[in-house]
Structures are given as structure tokens and as C-alpha cells.
């Protein structure tokens, strides 16, 4: 676990930048913990953060499927009303 977290810290968060000094490195680590637990949505948690899961949210594996279906329906409605389309827009 620590190896994968360290890899995420280096590649995703720091984007291969180096810390200038020890104080800056500690600040970067503190900010990374906030990012990792509150702002990052890992795929295996299905659109929830680790903090949300810790506080009782249950990952819902069909969340993205439901969001995409809703967006498709909204797009059809918008297309049909766009500029008073004279033909049925699909």
C-alpha cells in the first residue's frame, strides 16, 4: 500500500517535481494527504473519496452508468428544443 501511495504522490500530485527543502516537503506531504483523502476519486471506490467511505458512504458501482444515462436523456431533450429544430433531432 505504501508503495502505491508513494507512487501517486510522486507522479500524480508532485508531477515529478522535487521539494526544495525539508519544510516545503512537509507542507507538500500535508497537502497531499488532503488531496489523497478528500479530493481524489480512485476507480475502485466508484466515484467516492476515501474520506466519504470512512464516513459511511457506500461506493455505488453503477454511479457513472446512471450519470451517463441521465446526461444522454438531457442531451436528447436539449437537442429537440435547440433553435426550434424543424426536424426531430436525435
PDB file of N, CA and C in Angstrom:
ATOM      1  N   UNK A   1       0.815  -1.195   0.000  1.00  0.00           N
ATOM      2  CA  UNK A   1       0.000   0.000   0.000  1.00  0.00           C
ATOM      3  C   UNK A   1       0.858   1.259   0.000  1.00  0.00           C
ATOM      4  N   UNK A   2       1.902   1.260   0.808  1.00  0.00           N
ATOM      5  CA  UNK A   2       2.719   2.466   0.887  1.00  0.00           C
ATOM      6  C   UNK A   2       3.434   2.738  -0.426  1.00  0.00           C
ATOM      7  N   UNK A   3       3.808   1.678  -1.156  1.00  0.00           N
ATOM      8  CA  UNK A   3       4.485   1.890  -2.440  1.00  0.00           C
ATOM      9  C   UNK A   3       3.550   2.560  -3.441  1.00  0.00           C
ATOM     10  N   UNK A   4       2.287   2.123  -3.499  1.00  0.00           N
ATOM     11  CA  UNK A   4       1.361   2.729  -4.454  1.00  0.00           C
ATOM     12  C   UNK A   4       1.034   4.165  -4.057  1.00  0.00           C
ATOM     13  N   UNK A   5       0.900   4.426  -2.761  1.00  0.00           N
ATOM     14  CA  UNK A   5       0.633   5.793  -2.307  1.00  0.00           C
ATOM     15  C   UNK A   5       1.813   6.705  -2.628  1.00  0.00           C
ATOM     16  N   UNK A   6       3.023   6.201  -2.427  1.00  0.00           N
ATOM     17  CA  UNK A   6       4.209   6.987  -2.748  1.00  0.00           C
ATOM     18  C   UNK A   6       4.289   7.252  -4.250  1.00  0.00           C
ATOM     19  N   UNK A   7       3.928   6.277  -5.049  1.00  0.00           N
ATOM     20  CA  UNK A   7       3.921   6.456  -6.499  1.00  0.00           C
ATOM     21  C   UNK A   7       2.913   7.533  -6.912  1.00  0.00           C
ATOM     22  N   UNK A   8       1.734   7.529  -6.307  1.00  0.00           N
ATOM     23  CA  UNK A   8       0.718   8.552  -6.587  1.00  0.00           C
ATOM     24  C   UNK A   8       1.236   9.918  -6.165  1.00  0.00           C
ATOM     25  N   UNK A   9       1.895   9.978  -5.026  1.00  0.00           N
ATOM     26  CA  UNK A   9       2.465  11.244  -4.551  1.00  0.00           C
ATOM     27  C   UNK A   9       3.459  11.803  -5.566  1.00  0.00           C
ATOM     28  N   UNK A  10       4.349  10.946  -6.060  1.00  0.00           N
ATOM     29  CA  UNK A  10       5.393  11.405  -6.981  1.00  0.00           C
ATOM     30  C   UNK A  10       4.828  11.769  -8.350  1.00  0.00           C
ATOM     31  N   UNK A  11       4.025  10.894  -8.928  1.00  0.00           N
ATOM     32  CA  UNK A  11       3.614  11.084 -10.320  1.00  0.00           C
ATOM     33  C   UNK A  11       2.375  11.949 -10.482  1.00  0.00           C
ATOM     34  N   UNK A  12       1.389  11.739  -9.629  1.00  0.00           N
ATOM     35  CA  UNK A  12       0.114  12.422  -9.799  1.00  0.00           C
ATOM     36  C   UNK A  12       0.076  13.768  -9.082  1.00  0.00           C
ATOM     37  N   UNK A  13       0.564  13.803  -7.861  1.00  0.00           N
ATOM     38  CA  UNK A  13       0.468  15.022  -7.068  1.00  0.00           C
ATOM     39  C   UNK A  13       1.639  15.973  -7.326  1.00  0.00           C
ATOM     40  N   UNK A  14       2.853  15.487  -7.169  1.00  0.00           N
ATOM     41  CA  UNK A  14       4.031  16.343  -7.363  1.00  0.00           C
ATOM     42  C   UNK A  14       4.395  16.487  -8.835  1.00  0.00           C
ATOM     43  N   UNK A  15       3.902  15.594  -9.666  1.00  0.00           N
ATOM     44  CA  UNK A  15       4.190  15.589 -11.104  1.00  0.00           C
ATOM     45  C   UNK A  15       5.686  15.658 -11.368  1.00  0.00           C
ATOM     46  N   UNK A  16       6.389  14.816 -10.625  1.00  0.00           N
ATOM     47  CA  UNK A  16       7.838  14.636 -10.751  1.00  0.00           C
ATOM     48  C   UNK A  16       8.660  15.875 -10.385  1.00  0.00           C
ATOM     49  N   UNK A  17       8.072  16.839  -9.660  1.00  0.00           N
ATOM     50  CA  UNK A  17       8.835  17.982  -9.155  1.00  0.00           C
ATOM     51  C   UNK A  17       9.522  17.576  -7.863  1.00  0.00           C
ATOM     52  N   UNK A  18      10.573  18.240  -7.527  1.00  0.00           N
ATOM     53  CA  UNK A  18      11.307  17.953  -6.294  1.00  0.00           C
ATOM     54  C   UNK A  18      10.996  19.008  -5.242  1.00  0.00           C
ATOM     55  N   UNK A  19      10.975  18.591  -3.976  1.00  0.00           N
ATOM     56  CA  UNK A  19      10.810  19.538  -2.885  1.00  0.00           C
ATOM     57  C   UNK A  19      12.111  20.321  -2.723  1.00  0.00           C
ATOM     58  N   UNK A  20      11.992  21.600  -2.421  1.00  0.00           N
ATOM     59  CA  UNK A  20      13.151  22.480  -2.309  1.00  0.00           C
ATOM     60  C   UNK A  20      13.901  22.253  -1.004  1.00  0.00           C
ATOM     61  N   UNK A  21      13.154  22.087   0.086  1.00  0.00           N
ATOM     62  CA  UNK A  21      13.773  21.887   1.392  1.00  0.00           C
ATOM     63  C   UNK A  21      12.844  21.040   2.257  1.00  0.00           C
ATOM     64  N   UNK A  22      13.282  20.741   3.464  1.00  0.00           N
ATOM     65  CA  UNK A  22      12.519  19.859   4.355  1.00  0.00           C
ATOM     66  C   UNK A  22      11.169  20.480   4.721  1.00  0.00           C
ATOM     67  N   UNK A  23      11.161  21.776   5.023  1.00  0.00           N
ATOM     68  CA  UNK A  23       9.911  22.439   5.402  1.00  0.00           C
ATOM     69  C   UNK A  23       8.892  22.375   4.264  1.00  0.00           C
ATOM     70  N   UNK A  24       9.350  22.643   3.050  1.00  0.00           N
ATOM     71  CA  UNK A  24       8.456  22.589   1.897  1.00  0.00           C
ATOM     72  C   UNK A  24       7.970  21.158   1.654  1.00  0.00           C
ATOM     73  N   UNK A  25       8.844  20.203   1.879  1.00  0.00           N
ATOM     74  CA  UNK A  25       8.471  18.801   1.692  1.00  0.00           C
ATOM     75  C   UNK A  25       7.377  18.390   2.690  1.00  0.00           C
ATOM     76  N   UNK A  26       7.482  18.830   3.922  1.00  0.00           N
ATOM     77  CA  UNK A  26       6.465  18.526   4.929  1.00  0.00           C
ATOM     78  C   UNK A  26       5.134  19.177   4.556  1.00  0.00           C
ATOM     79  N   UNK A  27       5.181  20.427   4.071  1.00  0.00           N
ATOM     80  CA  UNK A  27       3.955  21.098   3.615  1.00  0.00           C
ATOM     81  C   UNK A  27       3.344  20.339   2.435  1.00  0.00           C
ATOM     82  N   UNK A  28       4.187  19.896   1.500  1.00  0.00           N
ATOM     83  CA  UNK A  28       3.693  19.126   0.353  1.00  0.00           C
ATOM     84  C   UNK A  28       3.025  17.829   0.805  1.00  0.00           C
ATOM     85  N   UNK A  29       3.619  17.161   1.785  1.00  0.00           N
ATOM     86  CA  UNK A  29       3.028  15.926   2.305  1.00  0.00           C
ATOM     87  C   UNK A  29       1.687  16.190   2.984  1.00  0.00           C
ATOM     88  N   UNK A  30       1.598  17.260   3.752  1.00  0.00           N
ATOM     89  CA  UNK A  30       0.323  17.618   4.394  1.00  0.00           C
ATOM     90  C   UNK A  30      -0.756  17.896   3.346  1.00  0.00           C
ATOM     91  N   UNK A  31      -0.390  18.665   2.325  1.00  0.00           N
ATOM     92  CA  UNK A  31      -1.350  18.960   1.255  1.00  0.00           C
ATOM     93  C   UNK A  31      -1.717  17.705   0.469  1.00  0.00           C
ATOM     94  N   UNK A  32      -0.761  16.805   0.299  1.00  0.00           N
ATOM     95  CA  UNK A  32      -1.027  15.554  -0.397  1.00  0.00           C
ATOM     96  C   UNK A  32      -2.037  14.706   0.375  1.00  0.00           C
ATOM     97  N   UNK A  33      -1.932  14.671   1.692  1.00  0.00           N
ATOM     98  CA  UNK A  33      -2.885  13.894   2.487  1.00  0.00           C
ATOM     99  C   UNK A  33      -4.305  14.422   2.310  1.00  0.00           C
ATOM    100  N   UNK A  34      -4.453  15.734   2.234  1.00  0.00           N
ATOM    101  CA  UNK A  34      -5.773  16.325   1.992  1.00  0.00           C
ATOM    102  C   UNK A  34      -6.250  15.937   0.590  1.00  0.00           C
ATOM    103  N   UNK A  35      -5.378  16.071  -0.402  1.00  0.00           N
ATOM    104  CA  UNK A  35      -5.713  15.697  -1.770  1.00  0.00           C
ATOM    105  C   UNK A  35      -6.107  14.223  -1.860  1.00  0.00           C
ATOM    106  N   UNK A  36      -5.303  13.353  -1.282  1.00  0.00           N
ATOM    107  CA  UNK A  36      -5.497  11.908  -1.396  1.00  0.00           C
ATOM    108  C   UNK A  36      -6.793  11.453  -0.725  1.00  0.00           C
ATOM    109  N   UNK A  37      -7.114  12.028   0.413  1.00  0.00           N
ATOM    110  CA  UNK A  37      -8.280  11.575   1.174  1.00  0.00           C
ATOM    111  C   UNK A  37      -9.574  12.314   0.861  1.00  0.00           C
ATOM    112  N   UNK A  38      -9.476  13.556   0.354  1.00  0.00           N
ATOM    113  CA  UNK A  38     -10.680  14.364   0.172  1.00  0.00           C
ATOM    114  C   UNK A  38     -10.981  14.755  -1.275  1.00  0.00           C
ATOM    115  N   UNK A  39      -9.988  14.776  -2.153  1.00  0.00           N
ATOM    116  CA  UNK A  39     -10.206  15.308  -3.499  1.00  0.00           C
ATOM    117  C   UNK A  39      -9.973  14.294  -4.609  1.00  0.00           C
ATOM    118  N   UNK A  40      -9.365  13.189  -4.298  1.00  0.00           N
ATOM    119  CA  UNK A  40      -9.026  12.182  -5.307  1.00  0.00           C
ATOM    120  C   UNK A  40     -10.093  11.097  -5.295  1.00  0.00           C
ATOM    121  N   UNK A  41     -10.571  10.722  -6.489  1.00  0.00           N
ATOM    122  CA  UNK A  41     -11.614   9.710  -6.624  1.00  0.00           C
ATOM    123  C   UNK A  41     -11.032   8.463  -7.278  1.00  0.00           C
ATOM    124  N   UNK A  42     -10.505   7.525  -6.476  1.00  0.00           N
ATOM    125  CA  UNK A  42      -9.929   6.321  -7.069  1.00  0.00           C
ATOM    126  C   UNK A  42     -11.014   5.457  -7.722  1.00  0.00           C
ATOM    127  N   UNK A  43     -10.657   4.799  -8.799  1.00  0.00           N
ATOM    128  CA  UNK A  43     -11.617   3.996  -9.548  1.00  0.00           C
ATOM    129  C   UNK A  43     -12.253   2.888  -8.744  1.00  0.00           C
ATOM    130  N   UNK A  44     -11.514   2.276  -7.848  1.00  0.00           N
ATOM    131  CA  UNK A  44     -12.074   1.163  -7.094  1.00  0.00           C
ATOM    132  C   UNK A  44     -13.080   1.609  -6.030  1.00  0.00           C
ATOM    133  N   UNK A  45     -13.185   2.902  -5.768  1.00  0.00           N
ATOM    134  CA  UNK A  45     -14.196   3.406  -4.842  1.00  0.00           C
ATOM    135  C   UNK A  45     -15.404   3.978  -5.575  1.00  0.00           C
ATOM    136  N   UNK A  46     -15.443   3.820  -6.883  1.00  0.00           N
ATOM    137  CA  UNK A  46     -16.627   4.134  -7.707  1.00  0.00           C
ATOM    138  C   UNK A  46     -17.172   5.541  -7.492  1.00  0.00           C
ATOM    139  N   UNK A  47     -16.317   6.536  -7.578  1.00  0.00           N
ATOM    140  CA  UNK A  47     -16.771   7.919  -7.517  1.00  0.00           C
ATOM    141  C   UNK A  47     -16.922   8.491  -6.123  1.00  0.00           C
ATOM    142  N   UNK A  48     -16.345   7.842  -5.125  1.00  0.00           N
ATOM    143  CA  UNK A  48     -16.334   8.400  -3.780  1.00  0.00           C
ATOM    144  C   UNK A  48     -14.886   8.537  -3.323  1.00  0.00           C
ATOM    145  N   UNK A  49     -14.651   9.444  -2.406  1.00  0.00           N
ATOM    146  CA  UNK A  49     -13.308   9.629  -1.875  1.00  0.00           C
ATOM    147  C   UNK A  49     -13.113   8.695  -0.680  1.00  0.00           C
ATOM    148  N   UNK A  50     -11.864   8.430  -0.299  1.00  0.00           N
ATOM    149  CA  UNK A  50     -11.635   7.620   0.899  1.00  0.00           C
ATOM    150  C   UNK A  50     -12.307   8.217   2.144  1.00  0.00           C
ATOM    151  N   UNK A  51     -12.319   9.527   2.251  1.00  0.00           N
ATOM    152  CA  UNK A  51     -12.952  10.178   3.398  1.00  0.00           C
ATOM    153  C   UNK A  51     -14.458   9.915   3.424  1.00  0.00           C
ATOM    154  N   UNK A  52     -15.103   9.978   2.247  1.00  0.00           N
ATOM    155  CA  UNK A  52     -16.537   9.707   2.182  1.00  0.00           C
ATOM    156  C   UNK A  52     -16.842   8.270   2.599  1.00  0.00           C
ATOM    157  N   UNK A  53     -16.010   7.325   2.170  1.00  0.00           N
ATOM    158  CA  UNK A  53     -16.199   5.924   2.559  1.00  0.00           C
ATOM    159  C   UNK A  53     -15.994   5.758   4.064  1.00  0.00           C
ATOM    160  N   UNK A  54     -14.982   6.418   4.589  1.00  0.00           N
ATOM    161  CA  UNK A  54     -14.716   6.355   6.027  1.00  0.00           C
ATOM    162  C   UNK A  54     -15.902   6.873   6.839  1.00  0.00           C
ATOM    163  N   UNK A  55     -16.614   7.851   6.290  1.00  0.00           N
ATOM    164  CA  UNK A  55     -17.769   8.427   6.983  1.00  0.00           C
ATOM    165  C   UNK A  55     -19.089   7.748   6.626  1.00  0.00           C
ATOM    166  N   UNK A  56     -19.032   6.583   6.004  1.00  0.00           N
ATOM    167  CA  UNK A  56     -20.249   5.794   5.819  1.00  0.00           C
ATOM    168  C   UNK A  56     -20.820   5.724   4.423  1.00  0.00           C
ATOM    169  N   UNK A  57     -20.318   6.506   3.467  1.00  0.00           N
ATOM    170  CA  UNK A  57     -20.821   6.393   2.096  1.00  0.00           C
ATOM    171  C   UNK A  57     -20.419   5.050   1.520  1.00  0.00           C
ATOM    172  N   UNK A  58     -21.345   4.421   0.835  1.00  0.00           N
ATOM    173  CA  UNK A  58     -21.044   3.147   0.214  1.00  0.00           C
ATOM    174  C   UNK A  58     -20.777   3.371  -1.259  1.00  0.00           C
ATOM    175  N   UNK A  59     -19.652   2.874  -1.761  1.00  0.00           N
ATOM    176  CA  UNK A  59     -19.390   3.011  -3.199  1.00  0.00           C
ATOM    177  C   UNK A  59     -20.495   2.348  -4.002  1.00  0.00           C
ATOM    178  N   UNK A  60     -20.981   3.052  -5.017  1.00  0.00           N
ATOM    179  CA  UNK A  60     -22.054   2.570  -5.870  1.00  0.00           C
ATOM    180  C   UNK A  60     -21.471   2.358  -7.256  1.00  0.00           C
ATOM    181  N   UNK A  61     -21.272   1.090  -7.622  1.00  0.00           N
ATOM    182  CA  UNK A  61     -20.522   0.804  -8.838  1.00  0.00           C
ATOM    183  C   UNK A  61     -21.230   1.232 -10.115  1.00  0.00           C
ATOM    184  N   UNK A  62     -22.526   1.480 -10.081  1.00  0.00           N
ATOM    185  CA  UNK A  62     -23.243   1.921 -11.279  1.00  0.00           C
ATOM    186  C   UNK A  62     -23.442   3.434 -11.325  1.00  0.00           C
ATOM    187  N   UNK A  63     -22.767   4.164 -10.439  1.00  0.00           N
ATOM    188  CA  UNK A  63     -22.943   5.615 -10.363  1.00  0.00           C
ATOM    189  C   UNK A  63     -22.652   6.286 -11.706  1.00  0.00           C
ATOM    190  N   UNK A  64     -21.524   5.952 -12.319  1.00  0.00           N
ATOM    191  CA  UNK A  64     -21.157   6.595 -13.574  1.00  0.00           C
ATOM    192  C   UNK A  64     -22.110   6.189 -14.695  1.00  0.00           C
ATOM    193  N   UNK A  65     -22.553   4.943 -14.679  1.00  0.00           N
ATOM    194  CA  UNK A  65     -23.521   4.478 -15.670  1.00  0.00           C
ATOM    195  C   UNK A  65     -24.808   5.290 -15.567  1.00  0.00           C
ATOM    196  N   UNK A  66     -25.290   5.504 -14.338  1.00  0.00           N
ATOM    197  CA  UNK A  66     -26.506   6.287 -14.126  1.00  0.00           C
ATOM    198  C   UNK A  66     -26.327   7.740 -14.547  1.00  0.00           C
ATOM    199  N   UNK A  67     -25.174   8.324 -14.251  1.00  0.00           N
ATOM    200  CA  UNK A  67     -24.903   9.716 -14.631  1.00  0.00           C
ATOM    201  C   UNK A  67     -24.860   9.849 -16.150  1.00  0.00           C
ATOM    202  N   UNK A  68     -24.246   8.886 -16.820  1.00  0.00           N
ATOM    203  CA  UNK A  68     -24.156   8.924 -18.284  1.00  0.00           C
ATOM    204  C   UNK A  68     -25.545   8.781 -18.905  1.00  0.00           C
ATOM    205  N   UNK A  69     -26.359   7.867 -18.400  1.00  0.00           N
ATOM    206  CA  UNK A  69     -27.726   7.692 -18.915  1.00  0.00           C
ATOM    207  C   UNK A  69     -28.536   8.975 -18.755  1.00  0.00           C
ATOM    208  N   UNK A  70     -28.427   9.615 -17.597  1.00  0.00           N
ATOM    209  CA  UNK A  70     -29.151  10.862 -17.368  1.00  0.00           C
ATOM    210  C   UNK A  70     -28.676  11.950 -18.319  1.00  0.00           C
ATOM    211  N   UNK A  71     -27.363  12.030 -18.547  1.00  0.00           N
ATOM    212  CA  UNK A  71     -26.817  13.035 -19.471  1.00  0.00           C
ATOM    213  C   UNK A  71     -27.304  12.785 -20.892  1.00  0.00           C
ATOM    214  N   UNK A  72     -27.411  11.517 -21.300  1.00  0.00           N
ATOM    215  CA  UNK A  72     -27.913  11.196 -22.635  1.00  0.00           C
ATOM    216  C   UNK A  72     -29.358  11.661 -22.788  1.00  0.00           C
ATOM    217  N   UNK A  73     -30.170  11.414 -21.784  1.00  0.00           N
ATOM    218  CA  UNK A  73     -31.567  11.847 -21.840  1.00  0.00           C
ATOM    219  C   UNK A  73     -31.663  13.374 -21.891  1.00  0.00           C
ATOM    220  N   UNK A  74     -30.866  14.047 -21.088  1.00  0.00           N
ATOM    221  CA  UNK A  74     -30.870  15.513 -21.099  1.00  0.00           C
ATOM    222  C   UNK A  74     -30.413  16.055 -22.443  1.00  0.00           C
ATOM    223  N   UNK A  75     -29.416  15.391 -23.051  1.00  0.00           N
ATOM    224  CA  UNK A  75     -28.924  15.837 -24.351  1.00  0.00           C
ATOM    225  C   UNK A  75     -30.021  15.715 -25.413  1.00  0.00           C
ATOM    226  N   UNK A  76     -30.786  14.633 -25.392  1.00  0.00           N
ATOM    227  CA  UNK A  76     -31.877  14.473 -26.352  1.00  0.00           C
ATOM    228  C   UNK A  76     -32.906  15.581 -26.194  1.00  0.00           C
ATOM    229  N   UNK A  77     -33.256  15.891 -24.965  1.00  0.00           N
ATOM    230  CA  UNK A  77     -34.229  16.953 -24.705  1.00  0.00           C
ATOM    231  C   UNK A  77     -33.703  18.292 -25.195  1.00  0.00           C
ATOM    232  N   UNK A  78     -32.441  18.584 -24.898  1.00  0.00           N
ATOM    233  CA  UNK A  78     -31.852  19.847 -25.345  1.00  0.00           C
ATOM    234  C   UNK A  78     -31.763  19.925 -26.859  1.00  0.00           C
ATOM    235  N   UNK A  79     -31.387  18.822 -27.493  1.00  0.00           N
ATOM    236  CA  UNK A  79     -31.281  18.812 -28.956  1.00  0.00           C
ATOM    237  C   UNK A  79     -32.630  19.069 -29.618  1.00  0.00           C
ATOM    238  N   UNK A  80     -33.679  18.533 -29.047  1.00  0.00           N
ATOM    239  CA  UNK A  80     -35.009  18.715 -29.639  1.00  0.00           C
ATOM    240  C   UNK A  80     -35.508  20.146 -29.510  1.00  0.00           C
ATOM    241  N   UNK A  81     -35.055  20.872 -28.507  1.00  0.00           N
ATOM    242  CA  UNK A  81     -35.525  22.246 -28.311  1.00  0.00           C
ATOM    243  C   UNK A  81     -34.529  23.286 -28.826  1.00  0.00           C
ATOM    244  N   UNK A  82     -33.376  22.872 -29.283  1.00  0.00           N
ATOM    245  CA  UNK A  82     -32.339  23.808 -29.715  1.00  0.00           C
ATOM    246  C   UNK A  82     -32.762  24.529 -30.987  1.00  0.00           C
ATOM    247  N   UNK A  83     -32.829  25.832 -30.923  1.00  0.00           N
ATOM    248  CA  UNK A  83     -33.163  26.679 -32.080  1.00  0.00           C
ATOM    249  C   UNK A  83     -34.423  26.226 -32.807  1.00  0.00           C
ATOM    250  N   UNK A  84     -35.391  25.743 -32.066  1.00  0.00           N
ATOM    251  CA  UNK A  84     -36.641  25.280 -32.665  1.00  0.00           C
ATOM    252  C   UNK A  84     -36.379  24.368 -33.862  1.00  0.00           C
ATOM    253  N   UNK A  85     -35.614  23.363 -33.647  1.00  0.00           N
ATOM    254  CA  UNK A  85     -35.197  22.429 -34.687  1.00  0.00           C
ATOM    255  C   UNK A  85     -36.415  21.935 -35.486  1.00  0.00           C
ATOM    256  N   UNK A  86     -36.435  22.142 -36.812  1.00  0.00           N
ATOM    257  CA  UNK A  86     -37.596  21.756 -37.624  1.00  0.00           C
ATOM    258  C   UNK A  86     -37.718  20.240 -37.836  1.00  0.00           C
ATOM    259  N   UNK A  87     -36.633  19.514 -37.632  1.00  0.00           N
ATOM    260  CA  UNK A  87     -36.695  18.065 -37.761  1.00  0.00           C
ATOM    261  C   UNK A  87     -36.479  17.453 -36.389  1.00  0.00           C
ATOM    262  N   UNK A  88     -36.772  16.196 -36.266  1.00  0.00           N
ATOM    263  CA  UNK A  88     -36.550  15.534 -34.987  1.00  0.00           C
ATOM    264  C   UNK A  88     -35.047  15.291 -34.841  1.00  0.00           C
ATOM    265  N   UNK A  89     -34.457  15.972 -33.935  1.00  0.00           N
ATOM    266  CA  UNK A  89     -33.020  15.808 -33.688  1.00  0.00           C
ATOM    267  C   UNK A  89     -32.789  14.659 -32.725  1.00  0.00           C
ATOM    268  N   UNK A  90     -31.920  13.757 -33.080  1.00  0.00           N
ATOM    269  CA  UNK A  90     -31.625  12.618 -32.198  1.00  0.00           C
ATOM    270  C   UNK A  90     -30.183  12.616 -31.815  1.00  0.00           C
TER     271      UNK A  90
END
